[in-house]
Amino acid sequence: MIWDWAAFLHYLHSPYLLTGAAVSLALSIGAMLIGLVFGVGAAMMRMSHRRWVRAPASAYVWLFRGTPVLVQLIIIYTGLPQLGIQLGVIPSALLGLGINEGAYLAEIIRSGISAVPKGQFEAARAIGMTWPKTMRIVVMPQALRIIIPPLGNAFNGLMKTSSLASVISMEELLRRTELLVQVQFKVLEIFIVAALYYLFLTTVWGFIQARLEAYASRSVSPIANVTVPADAT
């Protein structure tokens, strides 16, 4: 088989594949947002002192980290209808990828918060800060410096994992690549174009992640306008 440069250059800017790449990016962003919601919730629950709060979150992390995301997608799309829960392709893909990602993000967030010295919590409580205010002003600015690098890597991986949504007929980049190959029979040229699209997306994200890490690594500014109760001195 002879490499077809004309076909490669033609599909390199194919609107059909570019749309698929845009769908993959949108799917990744949506799944990451869903994952953050589940991840933050599970992380907070796993840090609770109450066993009945920790147990469901631990079971969630154990289940979704211990089973393949491909199996989870198939169960959500083809298995849930047997229980009377009918979801379309897009909701199934978002939910499947998002819930799976949340299980991994939960451990990233939990470990980041746990890395903040406990003295920071105690100092904030000593000056009368509420728990939400302590998390927002004292803990999270420090935890983010630890959380952002693995969180960014997780999103990088998610953009590639989103290709698994093709098995439930989600017309993202890989699915459109496969459909185009079935019509044009330019297997190598078209799949290399798809690979370059994924490489472009992850490379751009790499630059964005580097900026986010640099921003989070700045020194934490002194806490201003904090009134110290008289009985705390």
C-alpha atoms as a PDB file:
ATOM      1  CA  MET A   1       0.000   0.000   0.000  1.00  0.00           C
ATOM      2  CA  ILE A   2       1.336   3.432  -0.988  1.00  0.00           C
ATOM      3  CA  TRP A   3       1.024   6.359   1.387  1.00  0.00           C
ATOM      4  CA  ASP A   4      -1.402   8.900  -0.088  1.00  0.00           C
ATOM      5  CA  TRP A   5      -0.168  12.402   0.755  1.00  0.00           C
ATOM      6  CA  ALA A   6      -3.072  14.031  -1.044  1.00  0.00           C
ATOM      7  CA  ALA A   7      -5.609  12.145   1.081  1.00  0.00           C
ATOM      8  CA  PHE A   8      -3.660  12.846   4.278  1.00  0.00           C
ATOM      9  CA  LEU A   9      -3.501  16.593   3.605  1.00  0.00           C
ATOM     10  CA  HIS A  10      -7.152  16.624   2.582  1.00  0.00           C
ATOM     11  CA  TYR A  11      -8.383  14.968   5.777  1.00  0.00           C
ATOM     12  CA  LEU A  12      -6.007  17.008   7.911  1.00  0.00           C
ATOM     13  CA  HIS A  13      -8.495  19.874   7.689  1.00  0.00           C
ATOM     14  CA  SER A  14     -11.649  17.852   7.123  1.00  0.00           C
ATOM     15  CA  PRO A  15     -14.704  19.610   8.653  1.00  0.00           C
ATOM     16  CA  TYR A  16     -16.125  16.173   9.438  1.00  0.00           C
ATOM     17  CA  LEU A  17     -13.139  15.202  11.601  1.00  0.00           C
ATOM     18  CA  LEU A  18     -12.745  18.701  13.040  1.00  0.00           C
ATOM     19  CA  THR A  19     -16.335  18.496  14.264  1.00  0.00           C
ATOM     20  CA  GLY A  20     -15.522  15.147  15.830  1.00  0.00           C
ATOM     21  CA  ALA A  21     -12.529  16.698  17.604  1.00  0.00           C
ATOM     22  CA  ALA A  22     -14.746  19.504  18.905  1.00  0.00           C
ATOM     23  CA  VAL A  23     -17.247  16.936  20.184  1.00  0.00           C
ATOM     24  CA  SER A  24     -14.431  15.035  21.928  1.00  0.00           C
ATOM     25  CA  LEU A  25     -13.246  18.236  23.603  1.00  0.00           C
ATOM     26  CA  ALA A  26     -16.762  19.194  24.696  1.00  0.00           C
ATOM     27  CA  LEU A  27     -17.363  15.661  25.983  1.00  0.00           C
ATOM     28  CA  SER A  28     -14.118  15.783  27.969  1.00  0.00           C
ATOM     29  CA  ILE A  29     -14.940  19.152  29.524  1.00  0.00           C
ATOM     30  CA  GLY A  30     -18.466  18.071  30.436  1.00  0.00           C
ATOM     31  CA  ALA A  31     -17.265  14.781  31.923  1.00  0.00           C
ATOM     32  CA  MET A  32     -14.553  16.579  33.903  1.00  0.00           C
ATOM     33  CA  LEU A  33     -17.103  18.986  35.390  1.00  0.00           C
ATOM     34  CA  ILE A  34     -19.327  16.072  36.391  1.00  0.00           C
ATOM     35  CA  GLY A  35     -16.263  14.283  37.750  1.00  0.00           C
ATOM     36  CA  LEU A  36     -15.313  17.306  39.859  1.00  0.00           C
ATOM     37  CA  VAL A  37     -18.780  17.388  41.423  1.00  0.00           C
ATOM     38  CA  PHE A  38     -18.619  13.696  42.300  1.00  0.00           C
ATOM     39  CA  GLY A  39     -14.938  13.902  43.214  1.00  0.00           C
ATOM     40  CA  VAL A  40     -15.269  16.814  45.629  1.00  0.00           C
ATOM     41  CA  GLY A  41     -18.329  15.250  47.233  1.00  0.00           C
ATOM     42  CA  ALA A  42     -16.676  11.847  47.634  1.00  0.00           C
ATOM     43  CA  ALA A  43     -13.451  13.411  48.928  1.00  0.00           C
ATOM     44  CA  MET A  44     -15.301  15.394  51.604  1.00  0.00           C
ATOM     45  CA  MET A  45     -17.293  12.321  52.605  1.00  0.00           C
ATOM     46  CA  ARG A  46     -14.178  10.143  52.851  1.00  0.00           C
ATOM     47  CA  MET A  47     -12.594  12.676  55.205  1.00  0.00           C
ATOM     48  CA  SER A  48     -15.562  12.574  57.564  1.00  0.00           C
ATOM     49  CA  HIS A  49     -15.137  11.124  61.059  1.00  0.00           C
ATOM     50  CA  ARG A  50     -18.493   9.368  60.718  1.00  0.00           C
ATOM     51  CA  ARG A  51     -18.270   5.870  59.304  1.00  0.00           C
ATOM     52  CA  TRP A  52     -21.745   5.948  57.790  1.00  0.00           C
ATOM     53  CA  VAL A  53     -20.661   8.988  55.743  1.00  0.00           C
ATOM     54  CA  ARG A  54     -17.295   7.528  54.713  1.00  0.00           C
ATOM     55  CA  ALA A  55     -18.601   4.089  53.704  1.00  0.00           C
ATOM     56  CA  PRO A  56     -20.721   5.074  50.645  1.00  0.00           C
ATOM     57  CA  ALA A  57     -17.922   7.275  49.276  1.00  0.00           C
ATOM     58  CA  SER A  58     -15.341   4.534  49.784  1.00  0.00           C
ATOM     59  CA  ALA A  59     -17.623   2.029  48.026  1.00  0.00           C
ATOM     60  CA  TYR A  60     -18.096   4.438  45.107  1.00  0.00           C
ATOM     61  CA  VAL A  61     -14.339   4.964  44.687  1.00  0.00           C
ATOM     62  CA  TRP A  62     -13.658   1.226  45.029  1.00  0.00           C
ATOM     63  CA  LEU A  63     -16.310   0.259  42.478  1.00  0.00           C
ATOM     64  CA  PHE A  64     -15.571   2.775  39.741  1.00  0.00           C
ATOM     65  CA  ARG A  65     -11.799   2.605  40.050  1.00  0.00           C
ATOM     66  CA  GLY A  66     -11.896  -1.178  40.063  1.00  0.00           C
ATOM     67  CA  THR A  67     -13.934  -1.734  36.918  1.00  0.00           C
ATOM     68  CA  PRO A  68     -13.133  -0.666  33.321  1.00  0.00           C
ATOM     69  CA  VAL A  69     -14.735   2.549  32.137  1.00  0.00           C
ATOM     70  CA  LEU A  70     -15.646   0.766  28.875  1.00  0.00           C
ATOM     71  CA  VAL A  71     -17.757  -1.744  30.823  1.00  0.00           C
ATOM     72  CA  GLN A  72     -19.361   1.088  32.789  1.00  0.00           C
ATOM     73  CA  LEU A  73     -20.323   2.905  29.586  1.00  0.00           C
ATOM     74  CA  ILE A  74     -21.910  -0.226  28.120  1.00  0.00           C
ATOM     75  CA  ILE A  75     -23.842  -0.936  31.325  1.00  0.00           C
ATOM     76  CA  ILE A  76     -25.166   2.641  31.480  1.00  0.00           C
ATOM     77  CA  TYR A  77     -26.177   2.746  27.813  1.00  0.00           C
ATOM     78  CA  THR A  78     -27.429  -0.796  27.219  1.00  0.00           C
ATOM     79  CA  GLY A  79     -27.995  -2.199  30.708  1.00  0.00           C
ATOM     80  CA  LEU A  80     -29.944   0.538  32.478  1.00  0.00           C
ATOM     81  CA  PRO A  81     -32.831   0.409  29.952  1.00  0.00           C
ATOM     82  CA  GLN A  82     -33.587  -3.083  31.320  1.00  0.00           C
ATOM     83  CA  LEU A  83     -34.279  -1.359  34.646  1.00  0.00           C
ATOM     84  CA  GLY A  84     -36.489   1.250  32.984  1.00  0.00           C
ATOM     85  CA  ILE A  85     -33.804   3.958  32.871  1.00  0.00           C
ATOM     86  CA  GLN A  86     -33.415   5.090  29.276  1.00  0.00           C
ATOM     87  CA  LEU A  87     -30.545   7.481  28.539  1.00  0.00           C
ATOM     88  CA  GLY A  88     -29.452   8.828  25.181  1.00  0.00           C
ATOM     89  CA  VAL A  89     -25.947   8.527  23.777  1.00  0.00           C
ATOM     90  CA  ILE A  90     -24.723  11.921  24.989  1.00  0.00           C
ATOM     91  CA  PRO A  91     -26.094  11.648  28.565  1.00  0.00           C
ATOM     92  CA  SER A  92     -24.734   8.097  28.797  1.00  0.00           C
ATOM     93  CA  ALA A  93     -21.278   9.171  27.654  1.00  0.00           C
ATOM     94  CA  LEU A  94     -21.188  12.187  29.963  1.00  0.00           C
ATOM     95  CA  LEU A  95     -22.463  10.229  32.940  1.00  0.00           C
ATOM     96  CA  GLY A  96     -20.237   7.213  32.373  1.00  0.00           C
ATOM     97  CA  LEU A  97     -17.039   9.178  31.865  1.00  0.00           C
ATOM     98  CA  GLY A  98     -17.927  11.714  34.559  1.00  0.00           C
ATOM     99  CA  ILE A  99     -18.712   9.219  37.307  1.00  0.00           C
ATOM    100  CA  ASN A 100     -15.612   7.190  36.495  1.00  0.00           C
ATOM    101  CA  GLU A 101     -13.427  10.289  36.513  1.00  0.00           C
ATOM    102  CA  GLY A 102     -14.955  11.403  39.800  1.00  0.00           C
ATOM    103  CA  ALA A 103     -13.689   8.271  41.530  1.00  0.00           C
ATOM    104  CA  TYR A 104     -10.105   9.148  40.587  1.00  0.00           C
ATOM    105  CA  LEU A 105     -10.508  12.856  41.307  1.00  0.00           C
ATOM    106  CA  ALA A 106     -11.841  12.041  44.769  1.00  0.00           C
ATOM    107  CA  GLU A 107      -8.486  10.525  45.738  1.00  0.00           C
ATOM    108  CA  ILE A 108      -6.553  13.407  44.179  1.00  0.00           C
ATOM    109  CA  ILE A 109      -8.590  16.008  46.063  1.00  0.00           C
ATOM    110  CA  ARG A 110      -8.565  14.070  49.322  1.00  0.00           C
ATOM    111  CA  SER A 111      -4.800  13.599  49.251  1.00  0.00           C
ATOM    112  CA  GLY A 112      -4.275  17.281  48.426  1.00  0.00           C
ATOM    113  CA  ILE A 113      -6.376  18.464  51.346  1.00  0.00           C
ATOM    114  CA  SER A 114      -4.819  15.883  53.680  1.00  0.00           C
ATOM    115  CA  ALA A 115      -1.358  17.210  52.783  1.00  0.00           C
ATOM    116  CA  VAL A 116      -2.156  20.595  54.344  1.00  0.00           C
ATOM    117  CA  PRO A 117      -0.712  20.619  57.886  1.00  0.00           C
ATOM    118  CA  LYS A 118      -3.382  20.073  60.520  1.00  0.00           C
ATOM    119  CA  GLY A 119      -2.026  23.092  62.355  1.00  0.00           C
ATOM    120  CA  GLN A 120      -3.552  25.254  59.629  1.00  0.00           C
ATOM    121  CA  PHE A 121      -7.016  23.931  60.493  1.00  0.00           C
ATOM    122  CA  GLU A 122      -6.427  24.443  64.195  1.00  0.00           C
ATOM    123  CA  ALA A 123      -5.122  27.982  63.724  1.00  0.00           C
ATOM    124  CA  ALA A 124      -8.146  28.932  61.613  1.00  0.00           C
ATOM    125  CA  ARG A 125     -10.509  27.445  64.189  1.00  0.00           C
ATOM    126  CA  ALA A 126      -8.672  29.311  66.974  1.00  0.00           C
ATOM    127  CA  ILE A 127      -9.389  32.685  65.376  1.00  0.00           C
ATOM    128  CA  GLY A 128     -13.065  31.852  64.928  1.00  0.00           C
ATOM    129  CA  MET A 129     -13.214  30.838  61.278  1.00  0.00           C
ATOM    130  CA  THR A 130     -16.076  28.629  60.192  1.00  0.00           C
ATOM    131  CA  TRP A 131     -15.294  25.367  58.383  1.00  0.00           C
ATOM    132  CA  PRO A 132     -16.355  26.687  54.933  1.00  0.00           C
ATOM    133  CA  LYS A 133     -14.283  29.834  55.416  1.00  0.00           C
ATOM    134  CA  THR A 134     -11.307  27.779  56.592  1.00  0.00           C
ATOM    135  CA  MET A 135     -11.497  25.635  53.481  1.00  0.00           C
ATOM    136  CA  ARG A 136     -11.866  28.618  51.144  1.00  0.00           C
ATOM    137  CA  ILE A 137      -9.239  30.952  52.609  1.00  0.00           C
ATOM    138  CA  VAL A 138      -6.716  28.740  54.375  1.00  0.00           C
ATOM    139  CA  VAL A 139      -6.813  25.167  53.106  1.00  0.00           C
ATOM    140  CA  MET A 140      -7.725  25.208  49.401  1.00  0.00           C
ATOM    141  CA  PRO A 141      -5.105  27.791  48.299  1.00  0.00           C
ATOM    142  CA  GLN A 142      -2.450  25.461  49.729  1.00  0.00           C
ATOM    143  CA  ALA A 143      -4.095  22.243  48.583  1.00  0.00           C
ATOM    144  CA  LEU A 144      -4.497  23.481  45.010  1.00  0.00           C
ATOM    145  CA  ARG A 145      -0.743  23.558  44.559  1.00  0.00           C
ATOM    146  CA  ILE A 146      -0.777  19.815  45.181  1.00  0.00           C
ATOM    147  CA  ILE A 147      -4.061  19.041  43.433  1.00  0.00           C
ATOM    148  CA  ILE A 148      -3.651  20.887  40.124  1.00  0.00           C
ATOM    149  CA  PRO A 149      -0.778  18.827  38.575  1.00  0.00           C
ATOM    150  CA  PRO A 150      -2.510  15.424  38.913  1.00  0.00           C
ATOM    151  CA  LEU A 151      -5.863  17.047  38.138  1.00  0.00           C
ATOM    152  CA  GLY A 152      -4.418  18.409  34.899  1.00  0.00           C
ATOM    153  CA  ASN A 153      -2.958  15.036  34.037  1.00  0.00           C
ATOM    154  CA  ALA A 154      -6.358  13.478  34.673  1.00  0.00           C
ATOM    155  CA  PHE A 155      -7.989  15.824  32.167  1.00  0.00           C
ATOM    156  CA  ASN A 156      -5.239  15.073  29.668  1.00  0.00           C
ATOM    157  CA  GLY A 157      -6.016  11.377  30.027  1.00  0.00           C
ATOM    158  CA  LEU A 158      -9.751  12.026  29.858  1.00  0.00           C
ATOM    159  CA  MET A 159      -9.455  13.639  26.420  1.00  0.00           C
ATOM    160  CA  LYS A 160      -8.001  10.356  25.162  1.00  0.00           C
ATOM    161  CA  THR A 161     -10.343   8.158  27.201  1.00  0.00           C
ATOM    162  CA  SER A 162     -13.297   9.984  25.633  1.00  0.00           C
ATOM    163  CA  SER A 163     -12.601   7.902  22.523  1.00  0.00           C
ATOM    164  CA  LEU A 164     -14.195   4.946  24.332  1.00  0.00           C
ATOM    165  CA  ALA A 165     -17.554   6.649  23.905  1.00  0.00           C
ATOM    166  CA  SER A 166     -17.395   5.493  20.290  1.00  0.00           C
ATOM    167  CA  VAL A 167     -18.528   2.010  21.424  1.00  0.00           C
ATOM    168  CA  ILE A 168     -21.955   3.418  22.292  1.00  0.00           C
ATOM    169  CA  SER A 169     -22.127   5.231  18.910  1.00  0.00           C
ATOM    170  CA  MET A 170     -21.137   8.644  20.249  1.00  0.00           C
ATOM    171  CA  GLU A 171     -19.956  10.528  17.169  1.00  0.00           C
ATOM    172  CA  GLU A 172     -16.781  11.937  18.648  1.00  0.00           C
ATOM    173  CA  LEU A 173     -13.426  11.954  16.886  1.00  0.00           C
ATOM    174  CA  LEU A 174     -12.686   8.218  16.922  1.00  0.00           C
ATOM    175  CA  ARG A 175     -16.197   7.227  15.846  1.00  0.00           C
ATOM    176  CA  ARG A 176     -16.126   9.662  12.939  1.00  0.00           C
ATOM    177  CA  THR A 177     -12.670   8.421  12.000  1.00  0.00           C
ATOM    178  CA  GLU A 178     -13.933   4.832  11.858  1.00  0.00           C
ATOM    179  CA  LEU A 179     -16.972   5.815   9.794  1.00  0.00           C
ATOM    180  CA  LEU A 180     -14.825   7.772   7.368  1.00  0.00           C
ATOM    181  CA  VAL A 181     -12.389   4.882   6.970  1.00  0.00           C
ATOM    182  CA  GLN A 182     -15.270   2.544   6.099  1.00  0.00           C
ATOM    183  CA  VAL A 183     -16.180   4.837   3.207  1.00  0.00           C
ATOM    184  CA  GLN A 184     -12.794   6.077   1.959  1.00  0.00           C
ATOM    185  CA  PHE A 185     -10.578   3.057   2.789  1.00  0.00           C
ATOM    186  CA  LYS A 186      -7.642   5.333   3.683  1.00  0.00           C
ATOM    187  CA  VAL A 187      -6.964   3.609   6.988  1.00  0.00           C
ATOM    188  CA  LEU A 188      -3.460   4.811   7.809  1.00  0.00           C
ATOM    189  CA  GLU A 189      -3.884   8.365   6.553  1.00  0.00           C
ATOM    190  CA  ILE A 190      -7.167   9.015   8.359  1.00  0.00           C
ATOM    191  CA  PHE A 191      -6.165   7.394  11.646  1.00  0.00           C
ATOM    192  CA  ILE A 192      -2.907   9.355  11.700  1.00  0.00           C
ATOM    193  CA  VAL A 193      -4.926  12.543  11.196  1.00  0.00           C
ATOM    194  CA  ALA A 194      -7.087  11.543  14.186  1.00  0.00           C
ATOM    195  CA  ALA A 195      -3.958  10.846  16.236  1.00  0.00           C
ATOM    196  CA  LEU A 196      -2.601  14.293  15.354  1.00  0.00           C
ATOM    197  CA  TYR A 197      -5.869  15.876  16.467  1.00  0.00           C
ATOM    198  CA  TYR A 198      -5.617  14.159  19.847  1.00  0.00           C
ATOM    199  CA  LEU A 199      -1.962  15.187  20.064  1.00  0.00           C
ATOM    200  CA  PHE A 200      -2.889  18.797  19.317  1.00  0.00           C
ATOM    201  CA  LEU A 201      -5.590  18.837  22.014  1.00  0.00           C
ATOM    202  CA  THR A 202      -3.319  17.361  24.670  1.00  0.00           C
ATOM    203  CA  THR A 203      -0.437  19.656  23.701  1.00  0.00           C
ATOM    204  CA  VAL A 204      -2.571  22.788  23.995  1.00  0.00           C
ATOM    205  CA  TRP A 205      -3.841  21.544  27.335  1.00  0.00           C
ATOM    206  CA  GLY A 206      -0.233  21.012  28.422  1.00  0.00           C
ATOM    207  CA  PHE A 207       0.454  24.732  27.987  1.00  0.00           C
ATOM    208  CA  ILE A 208      -2.736  25.653  29.841  1.00  0.00           C
ATOM    209  CA  GLN A 209      -1.884  23.264  32.665  1.00  0.00           C
ATOM    210  CA  ALA A 210       1.593  24.766  33.002  1.00  0.00           C
ATOM    211  CA  ARG A 211       0.056  28.229  33.432  1.00  0.00           C
ATOM    212  CA  LEU A 212      -2.424  26.916  36.004  1.00  0.00           C
ATOM    213  CA  GLU A 213       0.355  25.232  37.969  1.00  0.00           C
ATOM    214  CA  ALA A 214       2.428  28.426  37.924  1.00  0.00           C
ATOM    215  CA  TYR A 215      -0.571  30.421  39.163  1.00  0.00           C
ATOM    216  CA  ALA A 216      -1.319  27.958  41.962  1.00  0.00           C
ATOM    217  CA  SER A 217       2.335  27.834  43.013  1.00  0.00           C
ATOM    218  CA  ARG A 218       2.408  31.511  43.928  1.00  0.00           C
ATOM    219  CA  SER A 219       2.918  32.295  47.578  1.00  0.00           C
ATOM    220  CA  VAL A 220      -0.314  32.365  49.517  1.00  0.00           C
ATOM    221  CA  SER A 221      -1.175  35.951  50.334  1.00  0.00           C
ATOM    222  CA  PRO A 222      -1.541  36.942  53.997  1.00  0.00           C
ATOM    223  CA  ILE A 223      -5.080  36.728  55.271  1.00  0.00           C
ATOM    224  CA  ALA A 224      -6.453  40.235  55.595  1.00  0.00           C
ATOM    225  CA  ASN A 225      -9.367  41.682  57.533  1.00  0.00           C
ATOM    226  CA  VAL A 226      -9.576  38.757  59.950  1.00  0.00           C
ATOM    227  CA  THR A 227     -10.893  39.822  63.333  1.00  0.00           C
ATOM    228  CA  VAL A 228      -9.424  37.879  66.226  1.00  0.00           C
ATOM    229  CA  PRO A 229     -11.981  37.258  68.983  1.00  0.00           C
ATOM    230  CA  ALA A 230     -11.010  38.721  72.356  1.00  0.00           C
ATOM    231  CA  ASP A 231     -11.206  35.337  74.071  1.00  0.00           C
ATOM    232  CA  ALA A 232      -8.754  33.823  71.547  1.00  0.00           C
ATOM    233  CA  THR A 233      -5.873  36.058  72.648  1.00  0.00           C
END
